[in-house]
Structure formats: structure tokens, C-alpha cells
Amino acid sequence: MRRIGFVGIGNMGWPMAANIVKSGRYAVTVHDQDADRSARFAREHGCAVAGALADLAPSEAVVTMLPTGRDVREVMLKPGGLAASLNRGALLIDMSSSDPVGTRELGPLLAVRGLTLIDAPVSGAVPRARSGTLAIMIGCDAGDAVPRVKPLLATMGDRLFEVGGLGSGHATKALNNFVAAAGYAAVSEALLIAQRFGLGPATLIDVLNASTGRSFITEAVMKEQVIEGRHASGFALGLLAKDVKIAADLGGAVRLDAPLTRLVSERWLLARDRLGAARDNTEAILAWDHDLPGESPER
């Protein structure tokens, strides 16, 4: 493959597309709903810009990095969208955090048009998107397509996992983010209780990091982002709430009674509704710092 399209130049899409361009292996054309943003990216990185999705028709593969699976389905299936524009044999690589059940439903709709869908969501947030060290989870039903896309994916990530058939990448990503969100919620509650009891939050984190409570959240998130008040992880609260809900819904889809996924989803949806979807996900603790109803505990 030589000609690559990239749809969605947001916080994650911008550095990911930039790394494809920097590799020098591909002729990249970018498209974004914000035409000014895609034009600025093209100027800064010396690549082509598509004013409309139909302008990506010559692409042999198109990457989508969009907020939701609904957005992905829209750009792929709408009149004048990718499915109507690309040549038979082209690959569609959805790197968004989409609903895995929806991805499985979308695949056959594209296959009848001669297009192959691959789900390849990422983990690592903006810093690792910039450094090209994302973890990428690949799901695909067409085994011959995966070797074709791996060199492209390797320009954006250094850990590529083949996790199963179509939708498996999105399922893996949602479950990973559920585990991370559950960890954040647990540590947040511990910090809030500690503060009200008179314990120092930084000291508590030091103890957790030297004890069995240690996790990515305690090591890489709490002191730098929460205690120091930076809240600049680059991953929106609304997007994480969406991912956790995908995981909870997936539990229902496979008919597993998974109450923790539902509870964690409720907590993150509450934080989103109280603070706003655009806030950084590390600010969720601010939404959970509330007294029990009808009580005024001593602090």
C-alpha cells in the first residue's frame, strides 16, 4: 500500500497521522469535519487534504479516528461516503473506540462493496500518540489483510496485538479502559476518604505505590494529574465514559452478570453529566467529592 487516507484530525488523530507522514512510506491525504484544521495539518506536514470524503477515492486504505462508532458508520455508509467512493479491495481501518457489536454489523455491509474492515483501536493517550508508541489491538476476519496493514500501524504504535476476529480490537479496548476507569474510581474514593480523615493524599499514593494497591493510576496519573491539579492527560471525560459504557453493554450482549462494569459506568456517566464531556478524564474525582445525602459528616 502506498496511498493512505486519514479521517479525523483530533487530539489523537493529529499526532497519529503526523507519524504516518513522517515515516516517508506513504502518500497521505487527510480529511476532518473541521476543514480549517485539516488544511492546517496538511500545510504543517506537507501532505494532501481532502475537502470531501469522495476525494479519498484513490486511497488503498483509509484510517478513521473519530469520537464514536456512530460517526464511523456515518462517514463510511452515507451517500458520498467512503463505501461509495473507494475502489474494491480497499481497506478501512477503524482506530476509534467503537462499539464492537456495531463493528461486527458494519463489516458485512462493507464487504458486499468489496471493502475490508479492520478494527485497530489504540491505548496510550496523546503522549504515546506523539511518540509513535501506542499499543494497537487488531481485529479482523480477513487474515490476509492484517499483514498488509501492520507496516502502516507500526508507524503509530510499537506494540501490535492481533486479538481475534472483527470487533475483537474494539472489545479489547473497551475492556482495557473499563479496568483503567475502575482503578481510577477506586483510587479517587480512597483519596477522598483519606483527605476527610486527615491523611495526606500524596503520602497515601506513596504508600500505594510501595504496596499491593500499586497500578498505572497510582504511578502515572494521581500525583501528576490529580494531586498537582494539572488535569491534562489529553483524553476527554466523555470519551472514557463512552468506552466504559461500551464495556458494560458488551457484558449485557454476552449475557454475563457483571455488576461492577455497570456501577463503574454509572460513576463515569455521572461525572460526565456533572462536569461536562469535554473536561479531562482525570477531573472525574471532582464530581465524586460529595457528602452523603442528608448527612453532614465531620471532616
C-alpha atoms as a PDB file:
ATOM      1  CA  MET A   1       0.000   0.000   0.000  1.00  0.00           C
ATOM      2  CA  ARG A   2       1.141   3.486  -0.805  1.00  0.00           C
ATOM      3  CA  ARG A   3      -1.881   5.825  -0.822  1.00  0.00           C
ATOM      4  CA  ILE A   4      -3.411   6.338   2.653  1.00  0.00           C
ATOM      5  CA  GLY A   5      -6.389   8.409   3.721  1.00  0.00           C
ATOM      6  CA  PHE A   6      -6.860   9.580   7.298  1.00  0.00           C
ATOM      7  CA  VAL A   7     -10.225  10.794   8.609  1.00  0.00           C
ATOM      8  CA  GLY A   8     -10.354  12.589  11.974  1.00  0.00           C
ATOM      9  CA  ILE A   9      -7.542  15.003  12.870  1.00  0.00           C
ATOM     10  CA  GLY A  10      -8.378  15.445  16.553  1.00  0.00           C
ATOM     11  CA  ASN A  11      -6.223  15.272  19.682  1.00  0.00           C
ATOM     12  CA  MET A  12      -5.205  11.693  18.885  1.00  0.00           C
ATOM     13  CA  GLY A  13      -5.632  11.712  15.120  1.00  0.00           C
ATOM     14  CA  TRP A  14      -3.291  14.654  14.577  1.00  0.00           C
ATOM     15  CA  PRO A  15      -0.129  13.030  16.007  1.00  0.00           C
ATOM     16  CA  MET A  16      -1.070   9.615  14.598  1.00  0.00           C
ATOM     17  CA  ALA A  17      -1.448  10.983  11.074  1.00  0.00           C
ATOM     18  CA  ALA A  18       1.726  13.024  11.558  1.00  0.00           C
ATOM     19  CA  ASN A  19       3.686   9.858  12.323  1.00  0.00           C
ATOM     20  CA  ILE A  20       2.396   8.189   9.151  1.00  0.00           C
ATOM     21  CA  VAL A  21       3.606  11.175   7.141  1.00  0.00           C
ATOM     22  CA  LYS A  22       6.960  11.288   8.958  1.00  0.00           C
ATOM     23  CA  SER A  23       7.637   7.654   8.109  1.00  0.00           C
ATOM     24  CA  GLY A  24       8.064   8.676   4.476  1.00  0.00           C
ATOM     25  CA  ARG A  25       6.486   5.430   3.307  1.00  0.00           C
ATOM     26  CA  TYR A  26       3.068   6.714   2.342  1.00  0.00           C
ATOM     27  CA  ALA A  27       1.299   9.419   0.379  1.00  0.00           C
ATOM     28  CA  VAL A  28      -1.175  10.686   2.968  1.00  0.00           C
ATOM     29  CA  THR A  29      -4.408  12.599   2.389  1.00  0.00           C
ATOM     30  CA  VAL A  30      -6.270  13.888   5.448  1.00  0.00           C
ATOM     31  CA  HIS A  31      -9.886  14.855   5.996  1.00  0.00           C
ATOM     32  CA  ASP A  32     -11.624  16.363   9.004  1.00  0.00           C
ATOM     33  CA  GLN A  33     -15.075  17.806   9.619  1.00  0.00           C
ATOM     34  CA  ASP A  34     -13.208  20.992  10.528  1.00  0.00           C
ATOM     35  CA  ALA A  35     -11.838  21.935   7.106  1.00  0.00           C
ATOM     36  CA  ASP A  36      -9.540  24.592   8.555  1.00  0.00           C
ATOM     37  CA  ARG A  37      -7.955  22.045  10.873  1.00  0.00           C
ATOM     38  CA  SER A  38      -7.245  19.526   8.127  1.00  0.00           C
ATOM     39  CA  ALA A  39      -5.874  22.302   5.895  1.00  0.00           C
ATOM     40  CA  ARG A  40      -3.553  23.443   8.686  1.00  0.00           C
ATOM     41  CA  PHE A  41      -2.351  19.881   9.225  1.00  0.00           C
ATOM     42  CA  ALA A  42      -1.656  19.497   5.509  1.00  0.00           C
ATOM     43  CA  ARG A  43       0.350  22.738   5.443  1.00  0.00           C
ATOM     44  CA  GLU A  44       2.393  21.827   8.518  1.00  0.00           C
ATOM     45  CA  HIS A  45       3.151  18.274   7.431  1.00  0.00           C
ATOM     46  CA  GLY A  46       3.362  18.601   3.681  1.00  0.00           C
ATOM     47  CA  CYS A  47       0.572  16.225   2.724  1.00  0.00           C
ATOM     48  CA  ALA A  48      -2.648  16.416   0.724  1.00  0.00           C
ATOM     49  CA  VAL A  49      -6.050  17.417   2.065  1.00  0.00           C
ATOM     50  CA  ALA A  50      -9.443  16.050   1.029  1.00  0.00           C
ATOM     51  CA  GLY A  51     -12.233  18.591   1.048  1.00  0.00           C
ATOM     52  CA  ALA A  52     -14.804  15.795   0.885  1.00  0.00           C
ATOM     53  CA  LEU A  53     -14.772  12.087   1.682  1.00  0.00           C
ATOM     54  CA  ALA A  54     -15.148  11.325  -2.031  1.00  0.00           C
ATOM     55  CA  ASP A  55     -11.736  12.915  -2.586  1.00  0.00           C
ATOM     56  CA  LEU A  56     -10.205   9.936  -0.752  1.00  0.00           C
ATOM     57  CA  ALA A  57     -11.291   7.620  -3.597  1.00  0.00           C
ATOM     58  CA  PRO A  58      -7.713   6.811  -4.759  1.00  0.00           C
ATOM     59  CA  SER A  59      -6.718   5.613  -1.261  1.00  0.00           C
ATOM     60  CA  GLU A  60      -5.774   1.957  -0.859  1.00  0.00           C
ATOM     61  CA  ALA A  61      -6.508   2.189   2.865  1.00  0.00           C
ATOM     62  CA  VAL A  62      -8.344   4.754   4.982  1.00  0.00           C
ATOM     63  CA  VAL A  63      -7.872   5.175   8.721  1.00  0.00           C
ATOM     64  CA  THR A  64     -10.744   6.556  10.777  1.00  0.00           C
ATOM     65  CA  MET A  65     -10.082   8.130  14.181  1.00  0.00           C
ATOM     66  CA  LEU A  66     -13.437   9.544  15.257  1.00  0.00           C
ATOM     67  CA  PRO A  67     -15.272  10.118  18.560  1.00  0.00           C
ATOM     68  CA  THR A  68     -17.851   7.313  18.285  1.00  0.00           C
ATOM     69  CA  GLY A  69     -18.778   4.248  16.276  1.00  0.00           C
ATOM     70  CA  ARG A  70     -21.855   6.143  15.088  1.00  0.00           C
ATOM     71  CA  ASP A  71     -19.555   8.739  13.499  1.00  0.00           C
ATOM     72  CA  VAL A  72     -17.547   5.954  11.855  1.00  0.00           C
ATOM     73  CA  ARG A  73     -20.663   4.335  10.430  1.00  0.00           C
ATOM     74  CA  GLU A  74     -21.812   7.701   9.120  1.00  0.00           C
ATOM     75  CA  VAL A  75     -18.616   8.520   7.192  1.00  0.00           C
ATOM     76  CA  MET A  76     -18.454   5.008   5.792  1.00  0.00           C
ATOM     77  CA  LEU A  77     -22.055   4.466   4.695  1.00  0.00           C
ATOM     78  CA  LYS A  78     -23.601   7.856   3.975  1.00  0.00           C
ATOM     79  CA  PRO A  79     -24.123   8.964   0.354  1.00  0.00           C
ATOM     80  CA  GLY A  80     -20.784  10.231  -0.900  1.00  0.00           C
ATOM     81  CA  GLY A  81     -19.025   8.492   1.982  1.00  0.00           C
ATOM     82  CA  LEU A  82     -16.113   6.091   1.972  1.00  0.00           C
ATOM     83  CA  ALA A  83     -18.013   2.950   0.969  1.00  0.00           C
ATOM     84  CA  ALA A  84     -19.464   4.702  -2.058  1.00  0.00           C
ATOM     85  CA  SER A  85     -16.151   6.263  -3.067  1.00  0.00           C
ATOM     86  CA  LEU A  86     -13.345   3.735  -2.542  1.00  0.00           C
ATOM     87  CA  ASN A  87     -12.304   1.119  -5.071  1.00  0.00           C
ATOM     88  CA  ARG A  88     -12.999  -2.545  -4.424  1.00  0.00           C
ATOM     89  CA  GLY A  89     -10.155  -4.102  -2.458  1.00  0.00           C
ATOM     90  CA  ALA A  90      -9.531  -1.035  -0.311  1.00  0.00           C
ATOM     91  CA  LEU A  91      -9.098  -1.429   3.445  1.00  0.00           C
ATOM     92  CA  LEU A  92     -10.945   0.551   6.109  1.00  0.00           C
ATOM     93  CA  ILE A  93      -9.063   0.688   9.410  1.00  0.00           C
ATOM     94  CA  ASP A  94     -11.168   1.989  12.300  1.00  0.00           C
ATOM     95  CA  MET A  95      -8.838   3.105  15.087  1.00  0.00           C
ATOM     96  CA  SER A  96     -11.649   4.833  17.001  1.00  0.00           C
ATOM     97  CA  SER A  97     -13.137   3.455  20.235  1.00  0.00           C
ATOM     98  CA  SER A  98     -16.244   1.994  18.632  1.00  0.00           C
ATOM     99  CA  ASP A  99     -18.901  -0.436  19.802  1.00  0.00           C
ATOM    100  CA  PRO A 100     -17.653  -3.976  18.985  1.00  0.00           C
ATOM    101  CA  VAL A 101     -21.141  -5.281  18.235  1.00  0.00           C
ATOM    102  CA  GLY A 102     -21.686  -2.394  15.825  1.00  0.00           C
ATOM    103  CA  THR A 103     -18.326  -3.121  14.215  1.00  0.00           C
ATOM    104  CA  ARG A 104     -19.352  -6.730  13.579  1.00  0.00           C
ATOM    105  CA  GLU A 105     -22.545  -5.487  11.975  1.00  0.00           C
ATOM    106  CA  LEU A 106     -20.708  -2.927   9.832  1.00  0.00           C
ATOM    107  CA  GLY A 107     -18.188  -5.375   8.377  1.00  0.00           C
ATOM    108  CA  PRO A 108     -20.602  -7.305   6.123  1.00  0.00           C
ATOM    109  CA  LEU A 109     -22.178  -4.071   4.861  1.00  0.00           C
ATOM    110  CA  LEU A 110     -18.762  -3.018   3.597  1.00  0.00           C
ATOM    111  CA  ALA A 111     -17.792  -6.478   2.374  1.00  0.00           C
ATOM    112  CA  VAL A 112     -20.634  -6.521  -0.176  1.00  0.00           C
ATOM    113  CA  ARG A 113     -18.963  -3.459  -1.711  1.00  0.00           C
ATOM    114  CA  GLY A 114     -15.603  -5.214  -1.865  1.00  0.00           C
ATOM    115  CA  LEU A 115     -14.142  -3.391   1.144  1.00  0.00           C
ATOM    116  CA  THR A 116     -12.466  -4.964   4.170  1.00  0.00           C
ATOM    117  CA  LEU A 117     -12.990  -3.527   7.644  1.00  0.00           C
ATOM    118  CA  ILE A 118     -10.305  -3.840  10.313  1.00  0.00           C
ATOM    119  CA  ASP A 119     -10.721  -2.546  13.856  1.00  0.00           C
ATOM    120  CA  ALA A 120      -7.471  -1.336  15.393  1.00  0.00           C
ATOM    121  CA  PRO A 121      -8.157   0.895  18.427  1.00  0.00           C
ATOM    122  CA  VAL A 122      -5.269   2.249  20.461  1.00  0.00           C
ATOM    123  CA  SER A 123      -4.141   2.728  24.041  1.00  0.00           C
ATOM    124  CA  GLY A 124      -1.577   5.213  25.292  1.00  0.00           C
ATOM    125  CA  ALA A 125      -3.249   8.635  25.041  1.00  0.00           C
ATOM    126  CA  VAL A 126      -1.761  11.731  23.444  1.00  0.00           C
ATOM    127  CA  PRO A 127       1.846  11.428  24.717  1.00  0.00           C
ATOM    128  CA  ARG A 128       2.294   7.985  23.177  1.00  0.00           C
ATOM    129  CA  ALA A 129       0.422   9.037  20.047  1.00  0.00           C
ATOM    130  CA  ARG A 130       3.053  11.738  19.618  1.00  0.00           C
ATOM    131  CA  SER A 131       5.966   9.366  20.199  1.00  0.00           C
ATOM    132  CA  GLY A 132       4.508   6.656  17.973  1.00  0.00           C
ATOM    133  CA  THR A 133       4.483   4.147  20.827  1.00  0.00           C
ATOM    134  CA  LEU A 134       0.775   3.326  21.059  1.00  0.00           C
ATOM    135  CA  ALA A 135      -0.492  -0.157  21.853  1.00  0.00           C
ATOM    136  CA  ILE A 136      -2.758  -1.225  18.992  1.00  0.00           C
ATOM    137  CA  MET A 137      -5.355  -4.013  19.213  1.00  0.00           C
ATOM    138  CA  ILE A 138      -6.181  -5.527  15.817  1.00  0.00           C
ATOM    139  CA  GLY A 139      -9.421  -7.322  14.996  1.00  0.00           C
ATOM    140  CA  CYS A 140     -10.113  -8.668  11.512  1.00  0.00           C
ATOM    141  CA  ASP A 141     -11.952 -11.518   9.789  1.00  0.00           C
ATOM    142  CA  ALA A 142      -9.753 -11.394   6.676  1.00  0.00           C
ATOM    143  CA  GLY A 143      -6.450 -12.914   7.714  1.00  0.00           C
ATOM    144  CA  ASP A 144      -4.596 -11.745   4.605  1.00  0.00           C
ATOM    145  CA  ALA A 145      -5.426  -8.098   5.412  1.00  0.00           C
ATOM    146  CA  VAL A 146      -3.545  -7.973   8.715  1.00  0.00           C
ATOM    147  CA  PRO A 147      -0.023  -8.398   7.251  1.00  0.00           C
ATOM    148  CA  ARG A 148      -0.863  -5.666   4.760  1.00  0.00           C
ATOM    149  CA  VAL A 149      -1.746  -3.129   7.447  1.00  0.00           C
ATOM    150  CA  LYS A 150       0.896  -3.954  10.041  1.00  0.00           C
ATOM    151  CA  PRO A 151       3.642  -1.785   8.481  1.00  0.00           C
ATOM    152  CA  LEU A 152       1.196   1.138   8.464  1.00  0.00           C
ATOM    153  CA  LEU A 153       0.123   0.533  12.062  1.00  0.00           C
ATOM    154  CA  ALA A 154       3.777   0.252  13.089  1.00  0.00           C
ATOM    155  CA  THR A 155       4.283   3.920  12.178  1.00  0.00           C
ATOM    156  CA  MET A 156       1.860   4.774  15.007  1.00  0.00           C
ATOM    157  CA  GLY A 157       2.458   2.044  17.598  1.00  0.00           C
ATOM    158  CA  ASP A 158       5.245  -0.195  18.819  1.00  0.00           C
ATOM    159  CA  ARG A 159       3.046  -2.937  20.295  1.00  0.00           C
ATOM    160  CA  LEU A 160       0.650  -4.566  17.855  1.00  0.00           C
ATOM    161  CA  PHE A 161      -1.711  -7.227  19.205  1.00  0.00           C
ATOM    162  CA  GLU A 162      -3.756  -9.494  16.942  1.00  0.00           C
ATOM    163  CA  VAL A 163      -6.668 -10.158  19.275  1.00  0.00           C
ATOM    164  CA  GLY A 164      -9.180 -12.020  17.108  1.00  0.00           C
ATOM    165  CA  GLY A 165     -11.928 -11.553  14.553  1.00  0.00           C
ATOM    166  CA  LEU A 166     -13.682  -8.361  13.567  1.00  0.00           C
ATOM    167  CA  GLY A 167     -14.793  -6.370  16.619  1.00  0.00           C
ATOM    168  CA  SER A 168     -12.240  -8.010  18.906  1.00  0.00           C
ATOM    169  CA  GLY A 169      -9.996  -4.951  18.881  1.00  0.00           C
ATOM    170  CA  HIS A 170     -12.828  -2.694  19.954  1.00  0.00           C
ATOM    171  CA  ALA A 171     -13.917  -5.157  22.640  1.00  0.00           C
ATOM    172  CA  THR A 172     -10.364  -5.374  23.992  1.00  0.00           C
ATOM    173  CA  LYS A 173     -10.013  -1.583  24.046  1.00  0.00           C
ATOM    174  CA  ALA A 174     -13.306  -1.106  25.896  1.00  0.00           C
ATOM    175  CA  LEU A 175     -12.399  -3.734  28.491  1.00  0.00           C
ATOM    176  CA  ASN A 176      -8.949  -2.199  28.984  1.00  0.00           C
ATOM    177  CA  ASN A 177     -10.490   1.222  29.543  1.00  0.00           C
ATOM    178  CA  PHE A 178     -13.051  -0.231  31.936  1.00  0.00           C
ATOM    179  CA  VAL A 179     -10.225  -1.688  34.051  1.00  0.00           C
ATOM    180  CA  ALA A 180      -8.379   1.646  33.992  1.00  0.00           C
ATOM    181  CA  ALA A 181     -11.562   3.587  34.820  1.00  0.00           C
ATOM    182  CA  ALA A 182     -12.391   1.211  37.674  1.00  0.00           C
ATOM    183  CA  GLY A 183      -8.884   1.693  39.046  1.00  0.00           C
ATOM    184  CA  TYR A 184      -9.195   5.460  38.838  1.00  0.00           C
ATOM    185  CA  ALA A 185     -12.576   5.383  40.584  1.00  0.00           C
ATOM    186  CA  ALA A 186     -11.199   3.169  43.368  1.00  0.00           C
ATOM    187  CA  VAL A 187      -8.126   5.336  43.978  1.00  0.00           C
ATOM    188  CA  SER A 188     -10.251   8.501  43.830  1.00  0.00           C
ATOM    189  CA  GLU A 189     -12.562   7.213  46.550  1.00  0.00           C
ATOM    190  CA  ALA A 190      -9.565   6.202  48.661  1.00  0.00           C
ATOM    191  CA  LEU A 191      -8.074   9.698  48.276  1.00  0.00           C
ATOM    192  CA  LEU A 192     -11.324  11.457  49.140  1.00  0.00           C
ATOM    193  CA  ILE A 193     -11.827   9.303  52.241  1.00  0.00           C
ATOM    194  CA  ALA A 194      -8.190   9.852  53.236  1.00  0.00           C
ATOM    195  CA  GLN A 195      -8.496  13.620  52.909  1.00  0.00           C
ATOM    196  CA  ARG A 196     -11.645  13.743  55.041  1.00  0.00           C
ATOM    197  CA  PHE A 197      -9.954  11.600  57.671  1.00  0.00           C
ATOM    198  CA  GLY A 198      -6.936  13.913  57.702  1.00  0.00           C
ATOM    199  CA  LEU A 199      -4.445  11.796  55.746  1.00  0.00           C
ATOM    200  CA  GLY A 200      -2.148  13.420  53.198  1.00  0.00           C
ATOM    201  CA  PRO A 201      -3.102  12.396  49.664  1.00  0.00           C
ATOM    202  CA  ALA A 202       0.472  12.414  48.348  1.00  0.00           C
ATOM    203  CA  THR A 203       1.589  10.189  51.214  1.00  0.00           C
ATOM    204  CA  LEU A 204      -1.260   7.778  50.558  1.00  0.00           C
ATOM    205  CA  ILE A 205      -0.191   7.491  46.915  1.00  0.00           C
ATOM    206  CA  ASP A 206       3.407   6.829  48.013  1.00  0.00           C
ATOM    207  CA  VAL A 207       2.161   4.012  50.234  1.00  0.00           C
ATOM    208  CA  LEU A 208       0.000   2.539  47.462  1.00  0.00           C
ATOM    209  CA  ASN A 209       2.947   2.610  45.081  1.00  0.00           C
ATOM    210  CA  ALA A 210       5.030   0.642  47.583  1.00  0.00           C
ATOM    211  CA  SER A 211       2.209  -1.762  48.348  1.00  0.00           C
ATOM    212  CA  THR A 212      -0.356  -4.039  46.749  1.00  0.00           C
ATOM    213  CA  GLY A 213      -2.523  -1.102  45.650  1.00  0.00           C
ATOM    214  CA  ARG A 214       0.030  -0.051  43.041  1.00  0.00           C
ATOM    215  CA  SER A 215      -1.275   0.427  39.479  1.00  0.00           C
ATOM    216  CA  PHE A 216      -0.828   2.616  36.416  1.00  0.00           C
ATOM    217  CA  ILE A 217      -3.300   5.025  38.001  1.00  0.00           C
ATOM    218  CA  THR A 218      -1.267   5.415  41.201  1.00  0.00           C
ATOM    219  CA  GLU A 219       2.065   5.539  39.396  1.00  0.00           C
ATOM    220  CA  ALA A 220       1.314   7.724  36.388  1.00  0.00           C
ATOM    221  CA  VAL A 221      -1.929   9.622  36.975  1.00  0.00           C
ATOM    222  CA  MET A 222      -2.700  10.581  40.548  1.00  0.00           C
ATOM    223  CA  LYS A 223       0.264  12.693  41.629  1.00  0.00           C
ATOM    224  CA  GLU A 224       0.988  14.415  38.341  1.00  0.00           C
ATOM    225  CA  GLN A 225      -2.530  14.945  37.065  1.00  0.00           C
ATOM    226  CA  VAL A 226      -4.816  14.928  40.119  1.00  0.00           C
ATOM    227  CA  ILE A 227      -2.891  15.981  43.241  1.00  0.00           C
ATOM    228  CA  GLU A 228      -0.896  18.610  41.352  1.00  0.00           C
ATOM    229  CA  GLY A 229      -4.081  19.735  39.618  1.00  0.00           C
ATOM    230  CA  ARG A 230      -2.783  19.537  36.045  1.00  0.00           C
ATOM    231  CA  HIS A 231      -5.682  17.526  34.592  1.00  0.00           C
ATOM    232  CA  ALA A 232      -4.031  17.473  31.177  1.00  0.00           C
ATOM    233  CA  SER A 233      -3.979  13.848  30.090  1.00  0.00           C
ATOM    234  CA  GLY A 234      -5.476  14.810  26.722  1.00  0.00           C
ATOM    235  CA  PHE A 235      -8.300  12.259  26.955  1.00  0.00           C
ATOM    236  CA  ALA A 236     -11.771  13.692  27.409  1.00  0.00           C
ATOM    237  CA  LEU A 237     -14.004  12.573  30.260  1.00  0.00           C
ATOM    238  CA  GLY A 238     -16.892  11.981  27.876  1.00  0.00           C
ATOM    239  CA  LEU A 239     -14.830   9.624  25.730  1.00  0.00           C
ATOM    240  CA  LEU A 240     -13.770   7.498  28.687  1.00  0.00           C
ATOM    241  CA  ALA A 241     -17.359   7.396  29.960  1.00  0.00           C
ATOM    242  CA  LYS A 242     -18.365   6.201  26.494  1.00  0.00           C
ATOM    243  CA  ASP A 243     -15.724   3.457  26.484  1.00  0.00           C
ATOM    244  CA  VAL A 244     -16.753   2.178  29.906  1.00  0.00           C
ATOM    245  CA  LYS A 245     -20.392   2.088  28.823  1.00  0.00           C
ATOM    246  CA  ILE A 246     -19.334   0.057  25.774  1.00  0.00           C
ATOM    247  CA  ALA A 247     -17.709  -2.457  28.129  1.00  0.00           C
ATOM    248  CA  ALA A 248     -20.805  -2.590  30.329  1.00  0.00           C
ATOM    249  CA  ASP A 249     -23.076  -3.012  27.305  1.00  0.00           C
ATOM    250  CA  LEU A 250     -20.799  -5.754  25.992  1.00  0.00           C
ATOM    251  CA  GLY A 251     -21.298  -7.650  29.246  1.00  0.00           C
ATOM    252  CA  GLY A 252     -25.024  -7.500  28.621  1.00  0.00           C
ATOM    253  CA  ALA A 253     -24.599  -8.539  24.980  1.00  0.00           C
ATOM    254  CA  VAL A 254     -22.805 -11.739  26.020  1.00  0.00           C
ATOM    255  CA  ARG A 255     -25.346 -12.241  28.843  1.00  0.00           C
ATOM    256  CA  LEU A 256     -22.860 -12.059  31.707  1.00  0.00           C
ATOM    257  CA  ASP A 257     -23.981 -10.607  35.026  1.00  0.00           C
ATOM    258  CA  ALA A 258     -21.142  -8.120  35.508  1.00  0.00           C
ATOM    259  CA  PRO A 259     -22.338  -5.642  38.166  1.00  0.00           C
ATOM    260  CA  LEU A 260     -19.001  -3.874  38.572  1.00  0.00           C
ATOM    261  CA  THR A 261     -18.951  -2.807  34.925  1.00  0.00           C
ATOM    262  CA  ARG A 262     -22.418  -1.315  35.341  1.00  0.00           C
ATOM    263  CA  LEU A 263     -21.506   0.500  38.568  1.00  0.00           C
ATOM    264  CA  VAL A 264     -18.277   1.934  37.138  1.00  0.00           C
ATOM    265  CA  SER A 265     -20.167   3.026  34.031  1.00  0.00           C
ATOM    266  CA  GLU A 266     -22.750   4.805  36.192  1.00  0.00           C
ATOM    267  CA  ARG A 267     -19.998   6.633  38.100  1.00  0.00           C
ATOM    268  CA  TRP A 268     -18.321   7.875  34.917  1.00  0.00           C
ATOM    269  CA  LEU A 269     -21.581   8.903  33.309  1.00  0.00           C
ATOM    270  CA  LEU A 270     -22.373  10.845  36.497  1.00  0.00           C
ATOM    271  CA  ALA A 271     -19.000  12.616  36.298  1.00  0.00           C
ATOM    272  CA  ARG A 272     -19.594  13.425  32.637  1.00  0.00           C
ATOM    273  CA  ASP A 273     -23.028  14.869  33.369  1.00  0.00           C
ATOM    274  CA  ARG A 274     -21.819  16.928  36.342  1.00  0.00           C
ATOM    275  CA  LEU A 275     -18.651  18.320  34.768  1.00  0.00           C
ATOM    276  CA  GLY A 276     -19.213  18.132  31.015  1.00  0.00           C
ATOM    277  CA  ALA A 277     -17.949  15.698  28.415  1.00  0.00           C
ATOM    278  CA  ALA A 278     -15.126  17.976  27.264  1.00  0.00           C
ATOM    279  CA  ARG A 279     -13.345  18.050  30.641  1.00  0.00           C
ATOM    280  CA  ASP A 280     -10.207  15.965  31.084  1.00  0.00           C
ATOM    281  CA  ASN A 281     -10.965  12.479  32.364  1.00  0.00           C
ATOM    282  CA  THR A 282      -8.622  12.989  35.333  1.00  0.00           C
ATOM    283  CA  GLU A 283     -11.049  15.607  36.678  1.00  0.00           C
ATOM    284  CA  ALA A 284     -13.725  12.995  37.400  1.00  0.00           C
ATOM    285  CA  ILE A 285     -12.720  12.942  41.071  1.00  0.00           C
ATOM    286  CA  LEU A 286     -14.111  16.485  41.376  1.00  0.00           C
ATOM    287  CA  ALA A 287     -17.578  15.202  40.501  1.00  0.00           C
ATOM    288  CA  TRP A 288     -17.448  12.494  43.148  1.00  0.00           C
ATOM    289  CA  ASP A 289     -16.461  14.728  46.097  1.00  0.00           C
ATOM    290  CA  HIS A 290     -19.940  14.972  47.626  1.00  0.00           C
ATOM    291  CA  ASP A 291     -21.445  14.303  51.041  1.00  0.00           C
ATOM    292  CA  LEU A 292     -23.919  11.505  51.657  1.00  0.00           C
ATOM    293  CA  PRO A 293     -27.465  12.825  51.248  1.00  0.00           C
ATOM    294  CA  GLY A 294     -28.989  14.134  54.438  1.00  0.00           C
ATOM    295  CA  GLU A 295     -25.757  13.956  56.449  1.00  0.00           C
ATOM    296  CA  SER A 296     -23.076  16.441  57.431  1.00  0.00           C
ATOM    297  CA  PRO A 297     -20.065  14.322  58.437  1.00  0.00           C
ATOM    298  CA  GLU A 298     -17.286  15.883  60.428  1.00  0.00           C
ATOM    299  CA  ARG A 299     -14.093  16.297  58.442  1.00  0.00           C
END
